[in-house]
Amino acid sequence: MAALLVVVMALSPGAASAAVGGSPVASAVPVTAPEVVEDNPHGEHSGGFASALPTDSATLRAALERARASGAAPHAYGTVTRQYWLAVGAENAGIDLEQWDPERGLTANLDTVDKVYVNYLRLANSRPDYYWAGMAGLAGMSFAAGFWDLDEIGRLLTVPAVHQMGLAVGGALDDLPWQLARDMPRDLHLLATVGPTLTRADIDWYLHRLLVMQRHIFMDMIPLHEAYAAEGMPAVEELAASGAYDDYVIDAWRMLDAGGAADLAEALVRMASREQNQIIADQWDATAAGHDPGAAAGRGAVGRVLTYITTVGGSPDIPGARSLGRFRPLTVRAQVDGQPMAVHTPLPAFNWADREPRWEYIEQELVPRHRELVQDRPAEAQQVLGVEFRERAEQNRILQRLPQFIAEMTNGWVVTPD
């Protein structure tokens, strides 16, 4: 009913009802609350923030100019402002917002998955001060490879990598003294027990969760990047007035605008924190909590298994950055026959879906290594950021190196006196 009301109001007498190229003319586009409601704020569906608004930048620009000229406060037409800059960003990235729908699954969105990360690299190459965009593009090479791997795992359940990983870890646990095996983290036990039982439906559910998070980040971060690139801080301040961004991230843009080395470094930290600790933090929590409500009983562990597999395979493609397992390797200690013993493994001691260790890895590993790259080695940074995305991402695929990967996971376990 709300959507119908918006349409009726937009087409009421005094508002033009003509359409150009399938989009309403600007005078027919509602521009202020309450006519404009953000019914897609987290990127779960196709389109922009509000289904009442078009997604082509030309129509939205005219509507935005009309809103500005009306004398309304920027907060009142904030959704139009955000949707306009989102549309600009999508068009620059070659992405059709109306076709970008996580509900359609990975296969239908795979080209867009690539375009998101290619666009981050495009932004970083267009502006050397766009540190966050460069880091997001480089880290995306590993995550995009993970998307492709998970899709192929789902289609190749007769020889599934996830099953092999679970069985391999289970075998490694069986070889340990029972006291050490008992004290292994729950995620590892779940990988050994639930991993070999995963189904195509489980994989599809997880892929959908990842697709939503990827879209949510793009929708939140790209409007600010495009606005600043086109119109500078006034456009960023107008977006800030929409109420969608807090002072913490807007101050990051003021630091970026100041341009000093320390300012740019702090802007990188704040934008990374915005991404992980605000935009998708709740979505990671929900993903780790389990399967969707309609899943069969006992499938709640699927979220932990798949998020831990993502952690095990995670190795962001930033020069000098350690893999998650090397950053914080898993060591377990226990008394074995009265003697203190320890088992050291090559596996990560945390799950990427958990907020605190995820942010520690980003803040202590990814951010410093990327800052060093762009500030201390600009010539190398230019080469790294200019890499062919698809070719480099293919090199990160676990399926391409599965036997070696499983060997690394299971052969590096060492039991020693503690």
Protein backbone atom coordinates (compact mmCIF):
# COMPACT_ATOMS: atom_id res chain seq x y z
CA MET A 1 0.00 0.00 0.00
CA ALA A 2 2.85 2.38 0.81
CA ALA A 3 4.42 1.78 -2.59
CA LEU A 4 1.08 2.29 -4.31
CA LEU A 5 0.53 5.53 -2.40
CA VAL A 6 3.90 6.83 -3.60
CA VAL A 7 2.98 6.09 -7.21
CA VAL A 8 -0.42 7.73 -6.87
CA MET A 9 1.08 10.85 -5.32
CA ALA A 10 3.77 11.02 -7.98
CA LEU A 11 1.18 10.84 -10.75
CA SER A 12 -1.43 13.09 -9.15
CA PRO A 13 -2.67 16.26 -10.90
CA GLY A 14 0.06 18.84 -10.97
CA ALA A 15 2.79 16.20 -11.32
CA ALA A 16 3.91 15.16 -14.75
CA SER A 17 3.33 11.52 -15.65
CA ALA A 18 5.42 11.33 -18.79
CA ALA A 19 8.32 8.95 -18.99
CA VAL A 20 11.59 9.20 -20.84
CA GLY A 21 13.44 5.99 -21.70
CA GLY A 22 11.38 4.02 -19.21
CA SER A 23 12.15 6.40 -16.31
CA PRO A 24 9.79 9.06 -14.97
CA VAL A 25 10.62 12.65 -15.79
CA ALA A 26 12.22 14.47 -12.89
CA SER A 27 9.08 16.42 -12.01
CA ALA A 28 7.27 13.12 -11.39
CA VAL A 29 9.89 11.86 -8.94
CA PRO A 30 9.05 12.36 -5.26
CA VAL A 31 11.98 14.01 -3.54
CA THR A 32 11.18 14.49 0.14
CA ALA A 33 9.91 12.48 3.08
CA PRO A 34 7.40 11.03 3.76
CA GLU A 35 6.84 10.22 0.06
CA VAL A 36 10.33 8.74 -0.21
CA VAL A 37 10.92 5.80 2.12
CA GLU A 38 14.16 3.81 2.19
CA ASP A 39 12.78 0.30 1.82
CA ASN A 40 16.10 -1.27 0.75
CA PRO A 41 18.65 0.29 3.12
CA HIS A 42 20.81 -2.84 3.47
CA GLY A 43 21.06 -3.84 -0.18
CA GLU A 44 18.97 -7.00 0.11
CA HIS A 45 17.08 -6.38 -3.12
CA SER A 46 17.60 -4.83 -6.56
CA GLY A 47 17.35 -1.10 -7.17
CA GLY A 48 18.57 1.65 -4.91
CA PHE A 49 17.74 2.74 -1.39
CA ALA A 50 14.12 3.52 -2.22
CA SER A 51 11.94 1.68 -4.72
CA ALA A 52 9.91 4.87 -5.22
CA LEU A 53 12.92 6.44 -6.94
CA PRO A 54 14.42 5.67 -10.36
CA THR A 55 17.98 4.38 -10.65
CA ASP A 56 19.26 6.37 -13.64
CA SER A 57 21.50 9.28 -12.69
CA ALA A 58 20.12 11.76 -15.23
CA THR A 59 16.56 11.64 -13.86
CA LEU A 60 17.81 11.62 -10.30
CA ARG A 61 20.09 14.60 -10.94
CA ALA A 62 17.18 16.67 -12.19
CA ALA A 63 15.11 15.62 -9.18
CA LEU A 64 17.99 16.51 -6.86
CA GLU A 65 18.35 19.96 -8.41
CA ARG A 66 14.61 20.49 -7.98
CA ALA A 67 14.88 19.49 -4.32
CA ARG A 68 17.81 21.82 -3.76
CA ALA A 69 15.97 24.70 -5.41
CA SER A 70 12.86 24.11 -3.29
CA GLY A 71 14.55 25.38 -0.17
CA ALA A 72 13.96 22.11 1.67
CA ALA A 73 16.51 21.06 4.26
CA PRO A 74 19.08 18.54 2.92
CA HIS A 75 17.81 16.00 5.46
CA ALA A 76 14.37 16.06 3.84
CA TYR A 77 15.67 14.98 0.44
CA GLY A 78 18.62 12.94 1.74
CA THR A 79 17.46 9.69 0.13
CA VAL A 80 17.36 11.33 -3.31
CA THR A 81 20.89 12.62 -2.74
CA ARG A 82 22.17 9.19 -1.76
CA GLN A 83 20.35 7.43 -4.58
CA TYR A 84 21.72 9.90 -7.12
CA TRP A 85 25.35 9.33 -6.10
CA LEU A 86 24.74 5.58 -5.90
CA ALA A 87 23.42 5.67 -9.46
CA VAL A 88 26.47 7.62 -10.59
CA GLY A 89 28.73 5.06 -8.96
CA ALA A 90 26.86 2.11 -10.44
CA GLU A 91 26.96 3.60 -13.95
CA ASN A 92 30.67 4.33 -13.63
CA ALA A 93 31.19 0.72 -12.57
CA GLY A 94 29.06 -0.65 -15.43
CA ILE A 95 26.54 -2.09 -12.94
CA ASP A 96 22.78 -2.21 -13.54
CA LEU A 97 21.17 -1.63 -10.15
CA GLU A 98 17.88 -3.11 -11.34
CA GLN A 99 19.58 -6.39 -12.29
CA TRP A 100 21.84 -6.55 -9.22
CA ASP A 101 19.67 -8.68 -6.96
CA PRO A 102 21.17 -11.06 -4.36
CA GLU A 103 17.99 -13.12 -4.47
CA ARG A 104 18.94 -14.27 -7.99
CA GLY A 105 21.95 -16.16 -6.64
CA LEU A 106 25.64 -16.10 -7.46
CA THR A 107 25.55 -17.25 -11.07
CA ALA A 108 23.28 -14.38 -12.09
CA ASN A 109 25.41 -11.89 -10.14
CA LEU A 110 28.91 -13.20 -10.80
CA ASP A 111 29.77 -10.53 -13.37
CA THR A 112 28.65 -7.85 -10.94
CA VAL A 113 30.73 -9.38 -8.14
CA ASP A 114 33.81 -8.76 -10.27
CA LYS A 115 32.70 -5.27 -11.30
CA VAL A 116 32.37 -4.18 -7.67
CA TYR A 117 36.03 -4.91 -6.94
CA VAL A 118 37.24 -3.69 -10.32
CA ASN A 119 35.46 -0.43 -9.56
CA TYR A 120 37.22 -0.07 -6.21
CA LEU A 121 40.52 -0.40 -8.04
CA ARG A 122 39.33 2.08 -10.68
CA LEU A 123 38.61 4.64 -7.97
CA ALA A 124 41.98 4.04 -6.31
CA ASN A 125 43.78 4.46 -9.61
CA SER A 126 41.87 7.65 -10.38
CA ARG A 127 42.74 9.24 -7.02
CA PRO A 128 45.87 8.30 -5.05
CA ASP A 129 44.23 9.55 -1.84
CA TYR A 130 41.45 6.95 -2.07
CA TYR A 131 43.29 4.53 0.21
CA TRP A 132 40.22 2.58 1.33
CA ALA A 133 39.06 1.90 -2.21
CA GLY A 134 42.46 0.45 -3.10
CA MET A 135 42.51 -1.78 -0.03
CA ALA A 136 38.96 -2.95 -0.73
CA GLY A 137 39.88 -3.81 -4.33
CA LEU A 138 42.98 -5.78 -3.39
CA ALA A 139 41.29 -7.63 -0.55
CA GLY A 140 38.42 -8.31 -2.95
CA MET A 141 40.65 -10.49 -5.12
CA SER A 142 40.67 -13.13 -2.41
CA PHE A 143 36.99 -12.76 -1.62
CA ALA A 144 35.96 -12.89 -5.26
CA ALA A 145 37.98 -16.08 -5.64
CA GLY A 146 36.11 -17.41 -2.62
CA PHE A 147 32.80 -16.62 -4.33
CA TRP A 148 33.85 -18.62 -7.39
CA ASP A 149 35.10 -21.50 -5.25
CA LEU A 150 31.92 -21.72 -3.21
CA ASP A 151 29.80 -21.66 -6.34
CA GLU A 152 31.79 -24.52 -7.87
CA ILE A 153 31.74 -26.44 -4.60
CA GLY A 154 27.97 -26.20 -4.67
CA ARG A 155 27.84 -27.55 -8.21
CA LEU A 156 30.42 -30.28 -7.58
CA LEU A 157 29.15 -31.87 -4.40
CA THR A 158 30.23 -35.27 -5.75
CA VAL A 159 33.83 -34.12 -5.16
CA PRO A 160 33.29 -31.24 -2.73
CA ALA A 161 36.21 -29.27 -1.38
CA VAL A 162 34.30 -28.43 1.79
CA HIS A 163 33.72 -32.10 2.49
CA GLN A 164 37.39 -32.85 1.90
CA MET A 165 38.42 -30.05 4.24
CA GLY A 166 36.10 -31.31 6.96
CA LEU A 167 37.29 -34.88 6.64
CA ALA A 168 40.94 -33.81 6.62
CA VAL A 169 40.53 -31.75 9.79
CA GLY A 170 38.60 -34.60 11.39
CA GLY A 171 41.49 -36.94 10.62
CA ALA A 172 43.97 -34.50 12.14
CA LEU A 173 41.87 -34.30 15.31
CA ASP A 174 41.75 -38.10 15.52
CA ASP A 175 45.55 -38.18 15.56
CA LEU A 176 45.80 -35.92 18.61
CA PRO A 177 45.81 -36.96 22.25
CA TRP A 178 42.20 -36.82 23.30
CA GLN A 179 42.82 -34.06 25.83
CA LEU A 180 44.12 -31.72 23.12
CA ALA A 181 41.40 -32.71 20.66
CA ARG A 182 38.74 -32.07 23.29
CA ASP A 183 39.95 -28.52 23.90
CA MET A 184 40.01 -27.49 20.24
CA PRO A 185 37.67 -24.57 19.43
CA ARG A 186 34.05 -25.34 18.60
CA ASP A 187 34.46 -24.03 15.03
CA LEU A 188 37.12 -26.67 14.34
CA HIS A 189 34.96 -29.49 15.69
CA LEU A 190 32.05 -28.23 13.59
CA LEU A 191 34.23 -28.16 10.48
CA ALA A 192 35.16 -31.79 11.12
CA THR A 193 31.62 -32.97 11.91
CA VAL A 194 29.23 -30.68 10.00
CA GLY A 195 31.57 -29.80 7.11
CA PRO A 196 31.25 -33.21 5.42
CA THR A 197 27.43 -32.95 5.53
CA LEU A 198 26.96 -29.55 3.87
CA THR A 199 24.45 -29.40 1.03
CA ARG A 200 23.87 -27.22 -2.00
CA ALA A 201 21.14 -25.39 -0.06
CA ASP A 202 23.66 -24.53 2.66
CA ILE A 203 26.11 -23.16 0.11
CA ASP A 204 23.40 -21.13 -1.62
CA TRP A 205 22.25 -19.67 1.67
CA TYR A 206 25.80 -18.56 2.54
CA LEU A 207 26.43 -17.14 -0.92
CA HIS A 208 23.26 -15.09 -0.62
CA ARG A 209 24.47 -13.68 2.69
CA LEU A 210 27.82 -12.70 1.13
CA LEU A 211 26.14 -11.11 -1.88
CA VAL A 212 23.95 -8.96 0.36
CA MET A 213 26.93 -7.77 2.40
CA GLN A 214 28.92 -6.93 -0.73
CA ARG A 215 26.00 -4.88 -2.07
CA HIS A 216 25.45 -3.16 1.28
CA ILE A 217 29.07 -1.96 1.43
CA PHE A 218 28.92 -0.65 -2.14
CA MET A 219 25.67 1.22 -1.48
CA ASP A 220 27.01 2.88 1.66
CA MET A 221 30.56 3.76 0.61
CA ILE A 222 30.35 4.51 -3.08
CA PRO A 223 28.03 7.57 -2.86
CA LEU A 224 30.63 9.34 -0.69
CA HIS A 225 33.49 8.47 -3.06
CA GLU A 226 31.62 9.60 -6.16
CA ALA A 227 30.31 12.76 -4.52
CA TYR A 228 33.77 13.83 -3.39
CA ALA A 229 35.35 13.02 -6.74
CA ALA A 230 32.76 15.13 -8.60
CA GLU A 231 31.96 18.02 -6.27
CA GLY A 232 34.35 17.87 -3.31
CA MET A 233 33.49 18.40 0.34
CA PRO A 234 30.25 20.35 -0.26
CA ALA A 235 28.73 17.21 -1.78
CA VAL A 236 30.02 15.09 1.11
CA GLU A 237 28.57 17.54 3.62
CA GLU A 238 25.23 17.38 1.80
CA LEU A 239 25.30 13.59 2.14
CA ALA A 240 26.19 14.00 5.81
CA ALA A 241 23.11 16.18 6.25
CA SER A 242 20.98 13.27 5.05
CA GLY A 243 21.49 11.67 8.45
CA ALA A 244 22.80 8.42 6.98
CA TYR A 245 26.43 9.03 8.00
CA ASP A 246 27.83 9.86 11.42
CA ASP A 247 30.57 12.32 12.31
CA TYR A 248 33.15 9.54 12.61
CA VAL A 249 33.14 8.74 8.89
CA ILE A 250 32.43 12.29 7.70
CA ASP A 251 35.48 13.44 9.67
CA ALA A 252 37.41 10.82 7.69
CA TRP A 253 36.50 12.69 4.52
CA ARG A 254 37.56 15.98 6.07
CA MET A 255 40.91 14.35 6.83
CA LEU A 256 41.17 13.04 3.29
CA ASP A 257 40.40 16.54 2.04
CA ALA A 258 43.18 17.95 4.26
CA GLY A 259 45.55 15.62 2.45
CA GLY A 260 48.37 15.16 4.97
CA ALA A 261 49.99 11.74 5.33
CA ALA A 262 48.71 11.28 8.89
CA ASP A 263 45.25 12.51 7.85
CA LEU A 264 45.06 10.04 4.96
CA ALA A 265 46.21 7.19 7.19
CA GLU A 266 43.54 7.97 9.79
CA ALA A 267 40.91 8.31 7.05
CA LEU A 268 41.79 4.78 5.92
CA VAL A 269 41.28 3.42 9.44
CA ARG A 270 37.94 5.16 9.83
CA MET A 271 36.59 4.06 6.46
CA ALA A 272 37.65 0.48 7.14
CA SER A 273 35.94 0.69 10.52
CA ARG A 274 32.80 2.07 8.90
CA GLU A 275 32.76 -0.87 6.52
CA GLN A 276 33.32 -3.65 9.04
CA ASN A 277 32.04 -2.29 12.36
CA GLN A 278 28.97 -0.43 11.16
CA ILE A 279 27.78 -1.40 7.69
CA ILE A 280 27.98 -5.19 7.87
CA ALA A 281 28.69 -5.99 11.52
CA ASP A 282 25.12 -7.07 12.24
CA GLN A 283 24.97 -9.03 8.99
CA TRP A 284 28.10 -11.00 9.91
CA ASP A 285 26.60 -11.70 13.33
CA ALA A 286 23.42 -13.04 11.76
CA THR A 287 25.37 -15.13 9.24
CA ALA A 288 27.50 -16.75 11.93
CA ALA A 289 24.42 -17.41 14.05
CA GLY A 290 23.17 -20.02 11.63
CA HIS A 291 20.94 -20.93 8.79
CA ASP A 292 17.70 -19.20 7.81
CA PRO A 293 14.64 -19.80 10.04
CA GLY A 294 13.13 -22.28 7.61
CA ALA A 295 16.13 -24.60 7.70
CA ALA A 296 15.97 -28.11 9.08
CA ALA A 297 16.63 -28.62 12.78
CA GLY A 298 20.30 -28.77 13.66
CA ARG A 299 21.48 -26.71 10.69
CA GLY A 300 22.29 -23.67 12.80
CA ALA A 301 25.94 -24.72 12.85
CA VAL A 302 26.19 -24.17 9.08
CA GLY A 303 26.86 -20.47 9.59
CA ARG A 304 29.83 -21.14 11.86
CA VAL A 305 31.26 -23.80 9.52
CA LEU A 306 31.08 -21.68 6.38
CA THR A 307 32.33 -18.50 8.02
CA TYR A 308 35.27 -20.46 9.46
CA ILE A 309 36.05 -21.94 6.04
CA THR A 310 36.13 -18.36 4.72
CA THR A 311 38.58 -17.57 7.53
CA VAL A 312 40.82 -20.57 6.81
CA GLY A 313 41.00 -19.68 3.12
CA GLY A 314 41.35 -15.94 3.63
CA SER A 315 44.55 -14.38 2.31
CA PRO A 316 43.97 -10.78 1.19
CA ASP A 317 46.17 -9.84 -1.75
CA ILE A 318 47.94 -6.90 -0.10
CA PRO A 319 51.75 -7.01 -0.28
CA GLY A 320 53.25 -7.97 3.07
CA ALA A 321 49.91 -8.87 4.68
CA ARG A 322 49.91 -12.22 6.43
CA SER A 323 47.15 -14.75 5.93
CA LEU A 324 44.66 -15.05 8.78
CA GLY A 325 46.27 -18.29 9.95
CA ARG A 326 49.74 -16.75 10.04
CA PHE A 327 48.46 -13.61 11.77
CA ARG A 328 46.99 -15.55 14.67
CA PRO A 329 47.68 -19.29 14.44
CA LEU A 330 45.69 -21.68 16.57
CA THR A 331 47.56 -23.20 19.53
CA VAL A 332 45.80 -25.35 22.13
CA ARG A 333 47.24 -26.42 25.48
CA ALA A 334 46.19 -29.24 27.80
CA GLN A 335 47.48 -31.69 30.39
CA VAL A 336 48.27 -35.04 28.77
CA ASP A 337 49.05 -37.82 31.24
CA GLY A 338 50.03 -35.21 33.78
CA GLN A 339 52.36 -33.35 31.41
CA PRO A 340 51.65 -29.88 29.92
CA MET A 341 51.41 -30.29 26.15
CA ALA A 342 50.54 -27.98 23.25
CA VAL A 343 49.42 -28.51 19.68
CA HIS A 344 50.39 -25.82 17.16
CA THR A 345 48.37 -25.61 13.93
CA PRO A 346 48.46 -23.53 10.73
CA LEU A 347 44.76 -22.72 11.16
CA PRO A 348 43.49 -19.31 12.31
CA ALA A 349 42.56 -19.06 15.98
CA PHE A 350 39.47 -16.98 15.23
CA ASN A 351 36.45 -16.76 12.98
CA TRP A 352 36.25 -13.85 10.51
CA ALA A 353 32.57 -13.42 11.36
CA ASP A 354 33.37 -12.42 14.96
CA ARG A 355 33.66 -8.67 15.37
CA GLU A 356 36.63 -8.18 17.69
CA PRO A 357 39.20 -10.49 16.05
CA ARG A 358 38.07 -9.44 12.56
CA TRP A 359 38.74 -5.81 13.38
CA GLU A 360 42.05 -6.63 15.09
CA TYR A 361 43.23 -8.32 11.90
CA ILE A 362 42.14 -5.41 9.72
CA GLU A 363 43.51 -2.71 12.04
CA GLN A 364 46.79 -4.48 12.88
CA GLU A 365 47.55 -6.21 9.58
CA LEU A 366 45.64 -5.00 6.52
CA VAL A 367 45.54 -1.28 7.24
CA PRO A 368 49.26 -0.89 8.15
CA ARG A 369 50.44 -2.97 5.19
CA HIS A 370 48.26 -1.05 2.75
CA ARG A 371 49.26 2.30 4.22
CA GLU A 372 52.93 1.34 3.86
CA LEU A 373 52.32 0.33 0.26
CA VAL A 374 50.62 3.53 -0.87
CA GLN A 375 52.65 5.98 1.21
CA ASP A 376 56.12 4.46 1.32
CA ARG A 377 56.23 2.62 -2.04
CA PRO A 378 54.06 4.60 -4.46
CA ALA A 379 55.68 3.13 -7.58
CA GLU A 380 54.96 -0.41 -6.37
CA ALA A 381 51.46 0.65 -5.35
CA GLN A 382 50.78 1.82 -8.88
CA GLN A 383 51.80 -1.57 -10.25
CA VAL A 384 49.84 -3.54 -7.65
CA LEU A 385 46.66 -1.50 -8.03
CA GLY A 386 46.92 -1.68 -11.81
CA VAL A 387 46.85 -5.49 -11.90
CA GLU A 388 44.34 -7.33 -14.09
CA PHE A 389 41.66 -8.24 -11.56
CA ARG A 390 40.27 -11.46 -12.97
CA GLU A 391 43.67 -12.97 -13.72
CA ARG A 392 45.02 -12.20 -10.24
CA ALA A 393 41.85 -13.36 -8.49
CA GLU A 394 42.03 -16.70 -10.30
CA GLN A 395 45.41 -17.27 -8.65
CA ASN A 396 43.76 -16.97 -5.23
CA ARG A 397 41.28 -19.78 -5.82
CA ILE A 398 41.43 -22.64 -3.34
CA LEU A 399 40.04 -25.08 -5.90
CA GLN A 400 43.07 -24.40 -8.10
CA ARG A 401 45.40 -25.52 -5.29
CA LEU A 402 43.13 -27.80 -3.26
CA PRO A 403 45.55 -30.70 -2.60
CA GLN A 404 48.29 -28.30 -1.52
CA PHE A 405 45.83 -26.28 0.54
CA ILE A 406 44.51 -29.33 2.43
CA ALA A 407 48.07 -30.53 3.01
CA GLU A 408 48.95 -27.13 4.48
CA MET A 409 45.89 -27.29 6.73
CA THR A 410 46.58 -30.73 8.14
CA ASN A 411 50.34 -31.43 7.89
CA GLY A 412 51.51 -28.47 9.94
CA TRP A 413 50.10 -29.73 13.24
CA VAL A 414 52.89 -30.16 15.82
CA VAL A 415 52.46 -31.53 19.33
CA THR A 416 55.18 -30.40 21.76
CA PRO A 417 55.79 -30.23 25.50
CA ASP A 418 54.48 -26.91 26.71
